[in-house]
Structures are given as C-alpha cells and as structure tokens.
Amino acid sequence: MGTICTPLEMIASDDKKRKIQSANVEGLFRIIQSIPSPKAEPFKRWLAKVGSINLNSFQVLNIVLTIIHRFRNKFGMTNTY
C-alpha cells in the first residue's frame, strides 16, 4: 500500500512526533475497494449508495442553477452581485 498511503508526521498523545500512514479520499476508496472479505461487502454497498445520492444531489443542484441562470437572463439581470 506504499503507493496509496503516504507517511504523515503527527504529534502523538505523548507529545512525540510519529509518522503514520495516511491516504486522501481517493486512496481510502481504493483501499476499501481492494478488501476481498465478504464482511466488507455491506460497507462497500453502503458507500456506493451514499456516493450515488451525492452525485444525484449535484445533478439536481446543477439543474436548479441552470433554471436560475435562465430566469436571470430572461429578465435582463446580470450575474454580478
């Protein structure tokens, strides 16, 4: 996992600096995806569902912003505030 996780220096509870393995969001998704255990499947399905909901939310937001933009243009409003 050396390519997915990178060392990050953090201060431990004993006030000493320690290097821990860390990953960004993409790395975490790749790690979760790579777990072959059947016990991980419910979590993977939940994660896929949450991701799908978020993508749908962005699509709805994009539609709303498009409607607002068209409305403003129709009535001669500018996009500056």
C-alpha atoms as a PDB file:
ATOM      1  CA  MET A   1       0.000   0.000   0.000  1.00  0.00           C
ATOM      2  CA  GLY A   2       3.008   2.254  -0.232  1.00  0.00           C
ATOM      3  CA  THR A   3       1.660   3.901  -3.355  1.00  0.00           C
ATOM      4  CA  ILE A   4      -1.759   4.626  -1.839  1.00  0.00           C
ATOM      5  CA  CYS A   5      -0.678   5.558   1.688  1.00  0.00           C
ATOM      6  CA  THR A   6       1.956   8.142   2.432  1.00  0.00           C
ATOM      7  CA  PRO A   7       3.679   8.869   5.735  1.00  0.00           C
ATOM      8  CA  LEU A   8       2.366  11.873   7.630  1.00  0.00           C
ATOM      9  CA  GLU A   9       4.059  13.246  10.722  1.00  0.00           C
ATOM     10  CA  MET A  10       1.668  13.761  13.626  1.00  0.00           C
ATOM     11  CA  ILE A  11       2.076  14.547  17.306  1.00  0.00           C
ATOM     12  CA  ALA A  12       1.077  11.583  19.475  1.00  0.00           C
ATOM     13  CA  SER A  13      -0.565  11.730  22.892  1.00  0.00           C
ATOM     14  CA  ASP A  14       2.902  11.573  24.478  1.00  0.00           C
ATOM     15  CA  ASP A  15       3.821  14.779  22.554  1.00  0.00           C
ATOM     16  CA  LYS A  16       6.326  12.923  20.362  1.00  0.00           C
ATOM     17  CA  LYS A  17       6.252  13.183  16.588  1.00  0.00           C
ATOM     18  CA  ARG A  18       5.340   9.938  14.893  1.00  0.00           C
ATOM     19  CA  LYS A  19       4.934   9.077  11.225  1.00  0.00           C
ATOM     20  CA  ILE A  20       1.623   7.419  10.455  1.00  0.00           C
ATOM     21  CA  GLN A  21       0.239   6.064   7.206  1.00  0.00           C
ATOM     22  CA  SER A  22      -2.310   8.389   5.649  1.00  0.00           C
ATOM     23  CA  ALA A  23      -4.386   8.484   2.490  1.00  0.00           C
ATOM     24  CA  ASN A  24      -6.545  11.005   0.695  1.00  0.00           C
ATOM     25  CA  VAL A  25     -10.194  10.288  -0.142  1.00  0.00           C
ATOM     26  CA  GLU A  26      -9.354   8.589  -3.437  1.00  0.00           C
ATOM     27  CA  GLY A  27      -6.800   6.414  -1.659  1.00  0.00           C
ATOM     28  CA  LEU A  28      -9.323   5.430   1.011  1.00  0.00           C
ATOM     29  CA  PHE A  29     -11.826   4.406  -1.647  1.00  0.00           C
ATOM     30  CA  ARG A  30      -9.152   2.330  -3.393  1.00  0.00           C
ATOM     31  CA  ILE A  31      -8.233   0.615  -0.119  1.00  0.00           C
ATOM     32  CA  ILE A  32     -11.866  -0.165   0.694  1.00  0.00           C
ATOM     33  CA  GLN A  33     -12.469  -1.416  -2.844  1.00  0.00           C
ATOM     34  CA  SER A  34      -9.499  -3.792  -2.575  1.00  0.00           C
ATOM     35  CA  ILE A  35     -10.770  -5.584   0.568  1.00  0.00           C
ATOM     36  CA  PRO A  36     -11.740  -9.102  -0.585  1.00  0.00           C
ATOM     37  CA  SER A  37     -13.653 -10.062   2.567  1.00  0.00           C
ATOM     38  CA  PRO A  38     -17.379 -10.788   2.243  1.00  0.00           C
ATOM     39  CA  LYS A  39     -17.774  -8.887   5.517  1.00  0.00           C
ATOM     40  CA  ALA A  40     -16.704  -5.715   3.678  1.00  0.00           C
ATOM     41  CA  GLU A  41     -19.472  -6.018   1.076  1.00  0.00           C
ATOM     42  CA  PRO A  42     -22.252  -4.347   3.131  1.00  0.00           C
ATOM     43  CA  PHE A  43     -19.969  -1.358   3.730  1.00  0.00           C
ATOM     44  CA  LYS A  44     -18.998  -1.228   0.043  1.00  0.00           C
ATOM     45  CA  ARG A  45     -22.695  -1.264  -0.955  1.00  0.00           C
ATOM     46  CA  TRP A  46     -23.483   1.480   1.578  1.00  0.00           C
ATOM     47  CA  LEU A  47     -20.579   3.560   0.298  1.00  0.00           C
ATOM     48  CA  ALA A  48     -21.763   3.142  -3.297  1.00  0.00           C
ATOM     49  CA  LYS A  49     -25.296   4.192  -2.277  1.00  0.00           C
ATOM     50  CA  VAL A  50     -24.052   7.301  -0.457  1.00  0.00           C
ATOM     51  CA  GLY A  51     -21.864   8.188  -3.438  1.00  0.00           C
ATOM     52  CA  SER A  52     -24.823   7.791  -5.781  1.00  0.00           C
ATOM     53  CA  ILE A  53     -27.002  10.012  -3.592  1.00  0.00           C
ATOM     54  CA  ASN A  54     -24.313  12.704  -3.568  1.00  0.00           C
ATOM     55  CA  LEU A  55     -23.927  12.562  -7.346  1.00  0.00           C
ATOM     56  CA  ASN A  56     -27.699  12.875  -7.731  1.00  0.00           C
ATOM     57  CA  SER A  57     -27.679  15.865  -5.374  1.00  0.00           C
ATOM     58  CA  PHE A  58     -25.060  17.576  -7.538  1.00  0.00           C
ATOM     59  CA  GLN A  59     -27.147  16.880 -10.643  1.00  0.00           C
ATOM     60  CA  VAL A  60     -30.229  18.418  -9.009  1.00  0.00           C
ATOM     61  CA  LEU A  61     -28.188  21.431  -7.892  1.00  0.00           C
ATOM     62  CA  ASN A  62     -26.888  21.868 -11.441  1.00  0.00           C
ATOM     63  CA  ILE A  63     -30.462  21.810 -12.793  1.00  0.00           C
ATOM     64  CA  VAL A  64     -31.602  24.405 -10.237  1.00  0.00           C
ATOM     65  CA  LEU A  65     -28.654  26.687 -11.020  1.00  0.00           C
ATOM     66  CA  THR A  66     -29.358  26.367 -14.749  1.00  0.00           C
ATOM     67  CA  ILE A  67     -33.005  27.378 -14.193  1.00  0.00           C
ATOM     68  CA  ILE A  68     -31.936  30.357 -12.055  1.00  0.00           C
ATOM     69  CA  HIS A  69     -29.413  31.429 -14.712  1.00  0.00           C
ATOM     70  CA  ARG A  70     -32.057  31.248 -17.464  1.00  0.00           C
ATOM     71  CA  PHE A  71     -34.543  33.193 -15.320  1.00  0.00           C
ATOM     72  CA  ARG A  72     -31.996  35.923 -14.629  1.00  0.00           C
ATOM     73  CA  ASN A  73     -31.092  36.168 -18.315  1.00  0.00           C
ATOM     74  CA  LYS A  74     -34.764  36.285 -19.336  1.00  0.00           C
ATOM     75  CA  PHE A  75     -35.362  39.315 -17.139  1.00  0.00           C
ATOM     76  CA  GLY A  76     -32.091  41.046 -18.019  1.00  0.00           C
ATOM     77  CA  MET A  77     -30.430  40.503 -14.680  1.00  0.00           C
ATOM     78  CA  THR A  78     -26.647  40.320 -14.541  1.00  0.00           C
ATOM     79  CA  ASN A  79     -24.573  37.639 -12.887  1.00  0.00           C
ATOM     80  CA  THR A  80     -22.581  40.172 -10.865  1.00  0.00           C
ATOM     81  CA  TYR A  81     -23.539  40.946  -7.317  1.00  0.00           C
END
